[in-house]
Amino acid sequence: MRSTLNPVPRHRPSLPSRMATPVVAGAVALSLSACSLLSDSPPPDQLQDDQALLVNCGDEPPATLVAIDGTGSSDDEAITVERLAAVEDITRQTAVCGGRLRVLLFSSSSGATTTLFDGALEAHGATPNARLRKVPELVEAAITEISEGYEAAIEGLPGGGSDVTAQYRLGAEHIAQLGDDYRLHLYVFTDGFHNVGHKPGDSALSQSEAEALAEETTVPNLAGASVTVAGIGRVAGDPVASDVVEGLVFYYDALCQQSKTKACTSVTDYTVGR
């Protein structure tokens, strides 16, 4: 799927604001624990919503990998709140489909990561509805673990840059470990300013320039997977020029297509419940 950009403001962030100083999330963002993300009991229509999700699960359960850019350009409470809300939504989708979820924070490489959650989200029950009724409990447990570990993980990330493309390699490793019984769903939450090696956000790129740059970037074969890169152009500090954001979207679309994925989505805003 090709992305549709929302209007974005006109300036790009200064170089210091985009370098890889680890994010220290504020108290407001970190109060987004399971208590605030999840109500005490599911809303009356939750089972109906989950039944609708179940219809679209497909033949293979999801191997969901969520990689969150933890570098300084994302040091903003609103961005953190949005990302954690998206993680909750993705966690629910994974649990409904009986898949596995891994959530990590990253900075300068595939090795510069901290895992917040890694486990199966498979409800047990005699009927589909019986299993779906256990989904809220699975989601709550996962979100609690993710939220409680978030601040310490951010503070512990090494600096040195933001390596977005390394997350494609982690995606390939993730599905290789789980095998063909699963389908990879890779979500990368980042402003898109990859600054290890190629630096696609240093200037506005045309579609052809972005595609040429992507061709110079090595990515693994992710045939059959879906890849979503969300948050492109969403930064702390000075907002990013719309032509720079557009170029970044072109770049991540081309990078995704180069990895032979089944579905590509590159967007400024992740839509919860889509």
C-alpha atoms as a PDB file:
ATOM      1  CA  MET A   1       0.000   0.000   0.000  1.00  0.00           C
ATOM      2  CA  ARG A   2       1.304   3.428  -0.818  1.00  0.00           C
ATOM      3  CA  SER A   3       1.199   6.015   1.888  1.00  0.00           C
ATOM      4  CA  THR A   4      -0.782   9.219   2.067  1.00  0.00           C
ATOM      5  CA  LEU A   5       1.006  12.029   3.828  1.00  0.00           C
ATOM      6  CA  ASN A   6      -0.769  14.287   6.247  1.00  0.00           C
ATOM      7  CA  PRO A   7       0.209  17.958   5.964  1.00  0.00           C
ATOM      8  CA  VAL A   8       3.415  18.633   7.900  1.00  0.00           C
ATOM      9  CA  PRO A   9       5.077  21.853   9.077  1.00  0.00           C
ATOM     10  CA  ARG A  10       7.831  23.522   7.159  1.00  0.00           C
ATOM     11  CA  HIS A  11      11.194  23.332   8.934  1.00  0.00           C
ATOM     12  CA  ARG A  12      13.508  20.388   9.479  1.00  0.00           C
ATOM     13  CA  PRO A  13      15.152  19.629  12.810  1.00  0.00           C
ATOM     14  CA  SER A  14      18.623  20.964  13.524  1.00  0.00           C
ATOM     15  CA  LEU A  15      21.466  18.427  13.303  1.00  0.00           C
ATOM     16  CA  PRO A  16      22.009  18.207  17.088  1.00  0.00           C
ATOM     17  CA  SER A  17      18.326  17.424  17.642  1.00  0.00           C
ATOM     18  CA  ARG A  18      18.528  14.549  15.150  1.00  0.00           C
ATOM     19  CA  MET A  19      21.680  12.925  16.519  1.00  0.00           C
ATOM     20  CA  ALA A  20      21.366   9.850  18.636  1.00  0.00           C
ATOM     21  CA  THR A  21      21.066  11.091  22.187  1.00  0.00           C
ATOM     22  CA  PRO A  22      18.893   8.519  23.964  1.00  0.00           C
ATOM     23  CA  VAL A  23      15.376   9.703  24.690  1.00  0.00           C
ATOM     24  CA  VAL A  24      14.384  10.271  28.311  1.00  0.00           C
ATOM     25  CA  ALA A  25      10.599  10.111  28.324  1.00  0.00           C
ATOM     26  CA  GLY A  26       8.794  12.500  30.627  1.00  0.00           C
ATOM     27  CA  ALA A  27       6.494  11.640  33.473  1.00  0.00           C
ATOM     28  CA  VAL A  28       3.377  12.259  31.402  1.00  0.00           C
ATOM     29  CA  ALA A  29       4.444   9.766  28.739  1.00  0.00           C
ATOM     30  CA  LEU A  30       5.514   7.163  31.239  1.00  0.00           C
ATOM     31  CA  SER A  31       2.279   7.414  33.150  1.00  0.00           C
ATOM     32  CA  LEU A  32       0.876   5.620  30.111  1.00  0.00           C
ATOM     33  CA  SER A  33       0.965   2.323  31.982  1.00  0.00           C
ATOM     34  CA  ALA A  34      -1.540  -0.454  31.645  1.00  0.00           C
ATOM     35  CA  CYS A  35      -3.815   1.493  33.982  1.00  0.00           C
ATOM     36  CA  SER A  36      -4.180   4.354  31.524  1.00  0.00           C
ATOM     37  CA  LEU A  37      -3.889   2.380  28.287  1.00  0.00           C
ATOM     38  CA  LEU A  38      -6.498  -0.163  29.257  1.00  0.00           C
ATOM     39  CA  SER A  39      -9.791   0.296  31.032  1.00  0.00           C
ATOM     40  CA  ASP A  40     -10.601  -1.895  34.031  1.00  0.00           C
ATOM     41  CA  SER A  41     -12.876  -4.008  31.839  1.00  0.00           C
ATOM     42  CA  PRO A  42     -13.243  -4.311  28.061  1.00  0.00           C
ATOM     43  CA  PRO A  43     -15.901  -2.091  26.475  1.00  0.00           C
ATOM     44  CA  PRO A  44     -19.131  -3.896  25.576  1.00  0.00           C
ATOM     45  CA  ASP A  45     -18.269  -3.956  21.889  1.00  0.00           C
ATOM     46  CA  GLN A  46     -14.702  -5.258  22.396  1.00  0.00           C
ATOM     47  CA  LEU A  47     -15.651  -8.865  21.636  1.00  0.00           C
ATOM     48  CA  GLN A  48     -17.351  -7.741  18.433  1.00  0.00           C
ATOM     49  CA  ASP A  49     -14.268  -5.743  17.407  1.00  0.00           C
ATOM     50  CA  ASP A  50     -12.006  -8.695  18.128  1.00  0.00           C
ATOM     51  CA  GLN A  51     -14.259 -10.995  16.138  1.00  0.00           C
ATOM     52  CA  ALA A  52     -13.817  -8.644  13.168  1.00  0.00           C
ATOM     53  CA  LEU A  53     -10.028  -8.784  13.613  1.00  0.00           C
ATOM     54  CA  LEU A  54     -10.124 -12.575  13.807  1.00  0.00           C
ATOM     55  CA  VAL A  55     -11.736 -12.824  10.369  1.00  0.00           C
ATOM     56  CA  ASN A  56      -8.663 -11.146   8.837  1.00  0.00           C
ATOM     57  CA  CYS A  57      -5.999 -13.158  10.674  1.00  0.00           C
ATOM     58  CA  GLY A  58      -5.035 -15.304   7.710  1.00  0.00           C
ATOM     59  CA  ASP A  59      -3.689 -18.844   7.660  1.00  0.00           C
ATOM     60  CA  GLU A  60      -0.415 -18.179   9.522  1.00  0.00           C
ATOM     61  CA  PRO A  61      -0.307 -16.582  12.973  1.00  0.00           C
ATOM     62  CA  PRO A  62       1.649 -13.328  13.084  1.00  0.00           C
ATOM     63  CA  ALA A  63       5.269 -13.081  14.105  1.00  0.00           C
ATOM     64  CA  THR A  64       5.059  -9.436  15.110  1.00  0.00           C
ATOM     65  CA  LEU A  65       8.233  -7.407  15.616  1.00  0.00           C
ATOM     66  CA  VAL A  66       7.827  -3.804  16.804  1.00  0.00           C
ATOM     67  CA  ALA A  67      11.032  -1.744  16.672  1.00  0.00           C
ATOM     68  CA  ILE A  68      10.883   1.718  18.275  1.00  0.00           C
ATOM     69  CA  ASP A  69      13.523   4.360  17.547  1.00  0.00           C
ATOM     70  CA  GLY A  70      14.831   5.480  20.927  1.00  0.00           C
ATOM     71  CA  THR A  71      17.165   8.260  19.777  1.00  0.00           C
ATOM     72  CA  GLY A  72      17.003  11.912  20.761  1.00  0.00           C
ATOM     73  CA  SER A  73      15.034  13.203  17.802  1.00  0.00           C
ATOM     74  CA  SER A  74      11.983  11.400  19.211  1.00  0.00           C
ATOM     75  CA  ASP A  75      12.350  12.858  22.714  1.00  0.00           C
ATOM     76  CA  ASP A  76       8.803  14.153  22.906  1.00  0.00           C
ATOM     77  CA  GLU A  77       6.010  13.136  25.267  1.00  0.00           C
ATOM     78  CA  ALA A  78       3.289  13.290  22.609  1.00  0.00           C
ATOM     79  CA  ILE A  79       5.307  11.035  20.287  1.00  0.00           C
ATOM     80  CA  THR A  80       5.889   8.538  23.093  1.00  0.00           C
ATOM     81  CA  VAL A  81       2.194   8.450  23.983  1.00  0.00           C
ATOM     82  CA  GLU A  82       1.259   7.896  20.328  1.00  0.00           C
ATOM     83  CA  ARG A  83       3.781   5.089  19.946  1.00  0.00           C
ATOM     84  CA  LEU A  84       2.666   3.258  23.061  1.00  0.00           C
ATOM     85  CA  ALA A  85      -0.979   3.540  21.979  1.00  0.00           C
ATOM     86  CA  ALA A  86       0.040   2.028  18.623  1.00  0.00           C
ATOM     87  CA  VAL A  87       1.916  -0.761  20.405  1.00  0.00           C
ATOM     88  CA  GLU A  88      -1.223  -1.591  22.379  1.00  0.00           C
ATOM     89  CA  ASP A  89      -3.237  -1.770  19.160  1.00  0.00           C
ATOM     90  CA  ILE A  90      -0.656  -4.037  17.514  1.00  0.00           C
ATOM     91  CA  THR A  91      -0.485  -6.195  20.641  1.00  0.00           C
ATOM     92  CA  ARG A  92      -4.236  -6.737  20.503  1.00  0.00           C
ATOM     93  CA  GLN A  93      -4.122  -7.676  16.817  1.00  0.00           C
ATOM     94  CA  THR A  94      -1.358 -10.177  17.550  1.00  0.00           C
ATOM     95  CA  ALA A  95      -3.213 -11.683  20.521  1.00  0.00           C
ATOM     96  CA  VAL A  96      -6.477 -12.053  18.582  1.00  0.00           C
ATOM     97  CA  CYS A  97      -4.606 -13.973  15.894  1.00  0.00           C
ATOM     98  CA  GLY A  98      -2.691 -16.116  18.413  1.00  0.00           C
ATOM     99  CA  GLY A  99       0.747 -14.920  17.375  1.00  0.00           C
ATOM    100  CA  ARG A 100       4.052 -13.989  18.933  1.00  0.00           C
ATOM    101  CA  LEU A 101       5.125 -10.459  19.817  1.00  0.00           C
ATOM    102  CA  ARG A 102       8.526  -8.905  20.274  1.00  0.00           C
ATOM    103  CA  VAL A 103       8.870  -5.207  21.135  1.00  0.00           C
ATOM    104  CA  LEU A 104      12.269  -3.525  21.252  1.00  0.00           C
ATOM    105  CA  LEU A 105      13.922  -0.118  21.360  1.00  0.00           C
ATOM    106  CA  PHE A 106      16.851   0.596  19.034  1.00  0.00           C
ATOM    107  CA  SER A 107      19.483   3.194  18.289  1.00  0.00           C
ATOM    108  CA  SER A 108      22.693   2.826  16.272  1.00  0.00           C
ATOM    109  CA  SER A 109      22.633  -0.781  15.029  1.00  0.00           C
ATOM    110  CA  SER A 110      20.887  -4.140  15.130  1.00  0.00           C
ATOM    111  CA  GLY A 111      22.951  -4.832  18.251  1.00  0.00           C
ATOM    112  CA  ALA A 112      22.061  -1.528  19.935  1.00  0.00           C
ATOM    113  CA  THR A 113      18.652  -2.709  21.083  1.00  0.00           C
ATOM    114  CA  THR A 114      16.779  -3.417  24.287  1.00  0.00           C
ATOM    115  CA  THR A 115      13.883  -5.880  24.293  1.00  0.00           C
ATOM    116  CA  LEU A 116      10.795  -4.804  26.222  1.00  0.00           C
ATOM    117  CA  PHE A 117       8.665  -7.875  25.535  1.00  0.00           C
ATOM    118  CA  ASP A 118       9.153 -11.189  23.769  1.00  0.00           C
ATOM    119  CA  GLY A 119       6.601 -13.960  24.015  1.00  0.00           C
ATOM    120  CA  ALA A 120       3.564 -15.795  22.751  1.00  0.00           C
ATOM    121  CA  LEU A 121       0.135 -14.156  22.860  1.00  0.00           C
ATOM    122  CA  GLU A 122      -1.999 -17.235  22.412  1.00  0.00           C
ATOM    123  CA  ALA A 123      -5.290 -17.507  24.270  1.00  0.00           C
ATOM    124  CA  HIS A 124      -6.643 -20.957  25.041  1.00  0.00           C
ATOM    125  CA  GLY A 125     -10.282 -21.979  24.983  1.00  0.00           C
ATOM    126  CA  ALA A 126     -12.737 -24.457  23.502  1.00  0.00           C
ATOM    127  CA  THR A 127     -14.287 -21.962  21.062  1.00  0.00           C
ATOM    128  CA  PRO A 128     -13.125 -18.840  19.196  1.00  0.00           C
ATOM    129  CA  ASN A 129     -15.232 -16.600  21.460  1.00  0.00           C
ATOM    130  CA  ALA A 130     -13.849 -18.268  24.580  1.00  0.00           C
ATOM    131  CA  ARG A 131     -10.350 -17.533  23.339  1.00  0.00           C
ATOM    132  CA  LEU A 132     -11.216 -13.964  22.410  1.00  0.00           C
ATOM    133  CA  ARG A 133     -12.522 -13.285  25.913  1.00  0.00           C
ATOM    134  CA  LYS A 134      -9.027 -13.979  27.210  1.00  0.00           C
ATOM    135  CA  VAL A 135      -7.380 -11.508  24.843  1.00  0.00           C
ATOM    136  CA  PRO A 136      -7.756  -8.450  27.149  1.00  0.00           C
ATOM    137  CA  GLU A 137      -5.835 -10.250  29.903  1.00  0.00           C
ATOM    138  CA  LEU A 138      -3.003 -11.118  27.504  1.00  0.00           C
ATOM    139  CA  VAL A 139      -2.847  -7.559  26.194  1.00  0.00           C
ATOM    140  CA  GLU A 140      -2.855  -6.052  29.670  1.00  0.00           C
ATOM    141  CA  ALA A 141       0.019  -8.251  30.824  1.00  0.00           C
ATOM    142  CA  ALA A 142       2.123  -7.417  27.759  1.00  0.00           C
ATOM    143  CA  ILE A 143       1.448  -3.669  27.900  1.00  0.00           C
ATOM    144  CA  THR A 144       2.253  -3.575  31.613  1.00  0.00           C
ATOM    145  CA  GLU A 145       5.627  -5.191  30.965  1.00  0.00           C
ATOM    146  CA  ILE A 146       6.375  -2.869  28.039  1.00  0.00           C
ATOM    147  CA  SER A 147       5.351   0.295  29.888  1.00  0.00           C
ATOM    148  CA  GLU A 148       7.193  -0.530  33.095  1.00  0.00           C
ATOM    149  CA  GLY A 149      10.452  -1.198  31.263  1.00  0.00           C
ATOM    150  CA  TYR A 150      10.274   1.699  28.814  1.00  0.00           C
ATOM    151  CA  GLU A 151      12.056   4.495  30.659  1.00  0.00           C
ATOM    152  CA  ALA A 152      15.001   2.403  31.872  1.00  0.00           C
ATOM    153  CA  ALA A 153      15.426   0.900  28.399  1.00  0.00           C
ATOM    154  CA  ILE A 154      15.497   4.328  26.766  1.00  0.00           C
ATOM    155  CA  GLU A 155      18.087   5.607  29.206  1.00  0.00           C
ATOM    156  CA  GLY A 156      20.263   2.545  28.677  1.00  0.00           C
ATOM    157  CA  LEU A 157      20.425   2.720  24.875  1.00  0.00           C
ATOM    158  CA  PRO A 158      23.863   3.445  23.402  1.00  0.00           C
ATOM    159  CA  GLY A 159      24.290   6.548  21.269  1.00  0.00           C
ATOM    160  CA  GLY A 160      26.076   6.810  17.936  1.00  0.00           C
ATOM    161  CA  GLY A 161      23.206   7.223  15.502  1.00  0.00           C
ATOM    162  CA  SER A 162      19.864   5.824  14.390  1.00  0.00           C
ATOM    163  CA  ASP A 163      20.093   2.715  12.201  1.00  0.00           C
ATOM    164  CA  VAL A 164      16.579   2.208  10.859  1.00  0.00           C
ATOM    165  CA  THR A 165      17.490  -0.235   8.104  1.00  0.00           C
ATOM    166  CA  ALA A 166      19.100  -2.616  10.614  1.00  0.00           C
ATOM    167  CA  GLN A 167      15.595  -3.406  11.844  1.00  0.00           C
ATOM    168  CA  TYR A 168      14.880  -5.163   8.546  1.00  0.00           C
ATOM    169  CA  ARG A 169      17.723  -7.562   9.398  1.00  0.00           C
ATOM    170  CA  LEU A 170      16.213  -8.135  12.836  1.00  0.00           C
ATOM    171  CA  GLY A 171      12.900  -8.865  11.158  1.00  0.00           C
ATOM    172  CA  ALA A 172      14.536 -11.488   8.965  1.00  0.00           C
ATOM    173  CA  GLU A 173      16.207 -13.072  11.989  1.00  0.00           C
ATOM    174  CA  HIS A 174      12.924 -13.055  13.912  1.00  0.00           C
ATOM    175  CA  ILE A 175      10.961 -14.951  11.284  1.00  0.00           C
ATOM    176  CA  ALA A 176      13.873 -17.317  10.599  1.00  0.00           C
ATOM    177  CA  GLN A 177      13.834 -18.359  14.247  1.00  0.00           C
ATOM    178  CA  LEU A 178      10.079 -18.951  14.269  1.00  0.00           C
ATOM    179  CA  GLY A 179       9.858 -20.693  10.898  1.00  0.00           C
ATOM    180  CA  ASP A 180       7.382 -20.926   8.048  1.00  0.00           C
ATOM    181  CA  ASP A 181       4.397 -21.516  10.314  1.00  0.00           C
ATOM    182  CA  TYR A 182       4.351 -17.751  11.016  1.00  0.00           C
ATOM    183  CA  ARG A 183       4.085 -14.625   8.892  1.00  0.00           C
ATOM    184  CA  LEU A 184       6.301 -11.650   9.738  1.00  0.00           C
ATOM    185  CA  HIS A 185       4.696  -8.299  10.526  1.00  0.00           C
ATOM    186  CA  LEU A 186       7.427  -5.713  11.040  1.00  0.00           C
ATOM    187  CA  TYR A 187       6.537  -2.311  12.512  1.00  0.00           C
ATOM    188  CA  VAL A 188       9.227   0.363  12.765  1.00  0.00           C
ATOM    189  CA  PHE A 189       8.310   3.520  14.678  1.00  0.00           C
ATOM    190  CA  THR A 190      10.792   6.218  13.721  1.00  0.00           C
ATOM    191  CA  ASP A 191      11.003   9.760  12.401  1.00  0.00           C
ATOM    192  CA  GLY A 192      12.870   8.249   9.451  1.00  0.00           C
ATOM    193  CA  PHE A 193      16.180  10.072   9.920  1.00  0.00           C
ATOM    194  CA  HIS A 194      18.522   7.142   9.436  1.00  0.00           C
ATOM    195  CA  ASN A 195      22.023   8.528  10.041  1.00  0.00           C
ATOM    196  CA  VAL A 196      24.247   5.453   9.975  1.00  0.00           C
ATOM    197  CA  GLY A 197      25.747   5.148   6.479  1.00  0.00           C
ATOM    198  CA  HIS A 198      23.254   6.646   4.000  1.00  0.00           C
ATOM    199  CA  LYS A 199      21.418   9.682   5.361  1.00  0.00           C
ATOM    200  CA  PRO A 200      18.172   9.942   3.386  1.00  0.00           C
ATOM    201  CA  GLY A 201      16.799  12.889   5.367  1.00  0.00           C
ATOM    202  CA  ASP A 202      19.702  15.264   4.809  1.00  0.00           C
ATOM    203  CA  SER A 203      17.891  16.854   1.860  1.00  0.00           C
ATOM    204  CA  ALA A 204      14.609  16.538   0.003  1.00  0.00           C
ATOM    205  CA  LEU A 205      14.638  13.553  -2.361  1.00  0.00           C
ATOM    206  CA  SER A 206      12.632  13.045  -5.516  1.00  0.00           C
ATOM    207  CA  GLN A 207      11.069   9.633  -5.992  1.00  0.00           C
ATOM    208  CA  SER A 208      13.789   8.570  -8.443  1.00  0.00           C
ATOM    209  CA  GLU A 209      16.555   9.815  -6.108  1.00  0.00           C
ATOM    210  CA  ALA A 210      15.003   7.977  -3.171  1.00  0.00           C
ATOM    211  CA  GLU A 211      14.723   4.761  -5.191  1.00  0.00           C
ATOM    212  CA  ALA A 212      18.342   5.041  -6.314  1.00  0.00           C
ATOM    213  CA  LEU A 213      19.487   5.520  -2.714  1.00  0.00           C
ATOM    214  CA  ALA A 214      17.432   2.532  -1.580  1.00  0.00           C
ATOM    215  CA  GLU A 215      19.089   0.398  -4.253  1.00  0.00           C
ATOM    216  CA  GLU A 216      22.439   1.148  -2.600  1.00  0.00           C
ATOM    217  CA  THR A 217      21.140  -0.145   0.738  1.00  0.00           C
ATOM    218  CA  THR A 218      21.355  -3.848   1.547  1.00  0.00           C
ATOM    219  CA  VAL A 219      18.171  -5.314   2.995  1.00  0.00           C
ATOM    220  CA  PRO A 220      17.178  -8.962   3.487  1.00  0.00           C
ATOM    221  CA  ASN A 221      14.513 -10.773   1.528  1.00  0.00           C
ATOM    222  CA  LEU A 222      11.265 -10.503   3.500  1.00  0.00           C
ATOM    223  CA  ALA A 223       8.988 -12.208   0.985  1.00  0.00           C
ATOM    224  CA  GLY A 224       5.502 -12.725   2.385  1.00  0.00           C
ATOM    225  CA  ALA A 225       5.962 -10.202   5.194  1.00  0.00           C
ATOM    226  CA  SER A 226       4.297  -6.873   5.804  1.00  0.00           C
ATOM    227  CA  VAL A 227       6.374  -3.836   6.761  1.00  0.00           C
ATOM    228  CA  THR A 228       5.050  -0.626   8.281  1.00  0.00           C
ATOM    229  CA  VAL A 229       7.305   2.369   8.910  1.00  0.00           C
ATOM    230  CA  ALA A 230       5.323   4.924  10.918  1.00  0.00           C
ATOM    231  CA  GLY A 231       6.082   8.322  12.385  1.00  0.00           C
ATOM    232  CA  ILE A 232       8.073   9.593   9.400  1.00  0.00           C
ATOM    233  CA  GLY A 233       8.847  13.283   9.926  1.00  0.00           C
ATOM    234  CA  ARG A 234       7.455  13.313  13.500  1.00  0.00           C
ATOM    235  CA  VAL A 235      10.261  14.858  15.550  1.00  0.00           C
ATOM    236  CA  ALA A 236      10.838  16.714  18.768  1.00  0.00           C
ATOM    237  CA  GLY A 237      11.782  20.355  18.265  1.00  0.00           C
ATOM    238  CA  ASP A 238      11.531  22.152  14.946  1.00  0.00           C
ATOM    239  CA  PRO A 239       9.105  20.459  12.535  1.00  0.00           C
ATOM    240  CA  VAL A 240      10.260  18.972   9.247  1.00  0.00           C
ATOM    241  CA  ALA A 241       9.721  20.420   5.774  1.00  0.00           C
ATOM    242  CA  SER A 242       7.036  18.600   3.813  1.00  0.00           C
ATOM    243  CA  ASP A 243       9.330  17.908   0.834  1.00  0.00           C
ATOM    244  CA  VAL A 244      11.867  16.249   3.146  1.00  0.00           C
ATOM    245  CA  VAL A 245       9.111  14.069   4.640  1.00  0.00           C
ATOM    246  CA  GLU A 246       7.875  13.159   1.174  1.00  0.00           C
ATOM    247  CA  GLY A 247      11.395  12.112   0.176  1.00  0.00           C
ATOM    248  CA  LEU A 248      11.689   9.942   3.265  1.00  0.00           C
ATOM    249  CA  VAL A 249       8.385   8.253   2.447  1.00  0.00           C
ATOM    250  CA  PHE A 250       9.649   7.560  -1.088  1.00  0.00           C
ATOM    251  CA  TYR A 251      12.833   6.086   0.396  1.00  0.00           C
ATOM    252  CA  TYR A 252      11.113   3.740   2.844  1.00  0.00           C
ATOM    253  CA  ASP A 253       8.578   2.650   0.244  1.00  0.00           C
ATOM    254  CA  ALA A 254      11.452   1.784  -2.112  1.00  0.00           C
ATOM    255  CA  LEU A 255      13.411   0.043   0.640  1.00  0.00           C
ATOM    256  CA  CYS A 256      10.388  -2.048   1.548  1.00  0.00           C
ATOM    257  CA  GLN A 257       9.720  -3.021  -2.059  1.00  0.00           C
ATOM    258  CA  GLN A 258      13.377  -3.959  -2.462  1.00  0.00           C
ATOM    259  CA  SER A 259      12.968  -6.477   0.369  1.00  0.00           C
ATOM    260  CA  LYS A 260      10.210  -8.233  -1.646  1.00  0.00           C
ATOM    261  CA  THR A 261       7.559  -7.849   1.042  1.00  0.00           C
ATOM    262  CA  LYS A 262       3.907  -8.606   0.473  1.00  0.00           C
ATOM    263  CA  ALA A 263       2.716  -5.242   1.816  1.00  0.00           C
ATOM    264  CA  CYS A 264       4.469  -1.906   2.421  1.00  0.00           C
ATOM    265  CA  THR A 265       3.165   1.058   4.402  1.00  0.00           C
ATOM    266  CA  SER A 266       5.192   4.227   5.024  1.00  0.00           C
ATOM    267  CA  VAL A 267       3.279   6.926   6.915  1.00  0.00           C
ATOM    268  CA  THR A 268       3.585   9.953   9.131  1.00  0.00           C
ATOM    269  CA  ASP A 269       0.862   8.769  11.516  1.00  0.00           C
ATOM    270  CA  TYR A 270      -0.063   5.233  12.516  1.00  0.00           C
ATOM    271  CA  THR A 271      -3.845   4.871  12.619  1.00  0.00           C
ATOM    272  CA  VAL A 272      -4.948   2.903  15.668  1.00  0.00           C
ATOM    273  CA  GLY A 273      -7.671   0.385  14.842  1.00  0.00           C
ATOM    274  CA  ARG A 274      -6.992   0.380  11.102  1.00  0.00           C
END
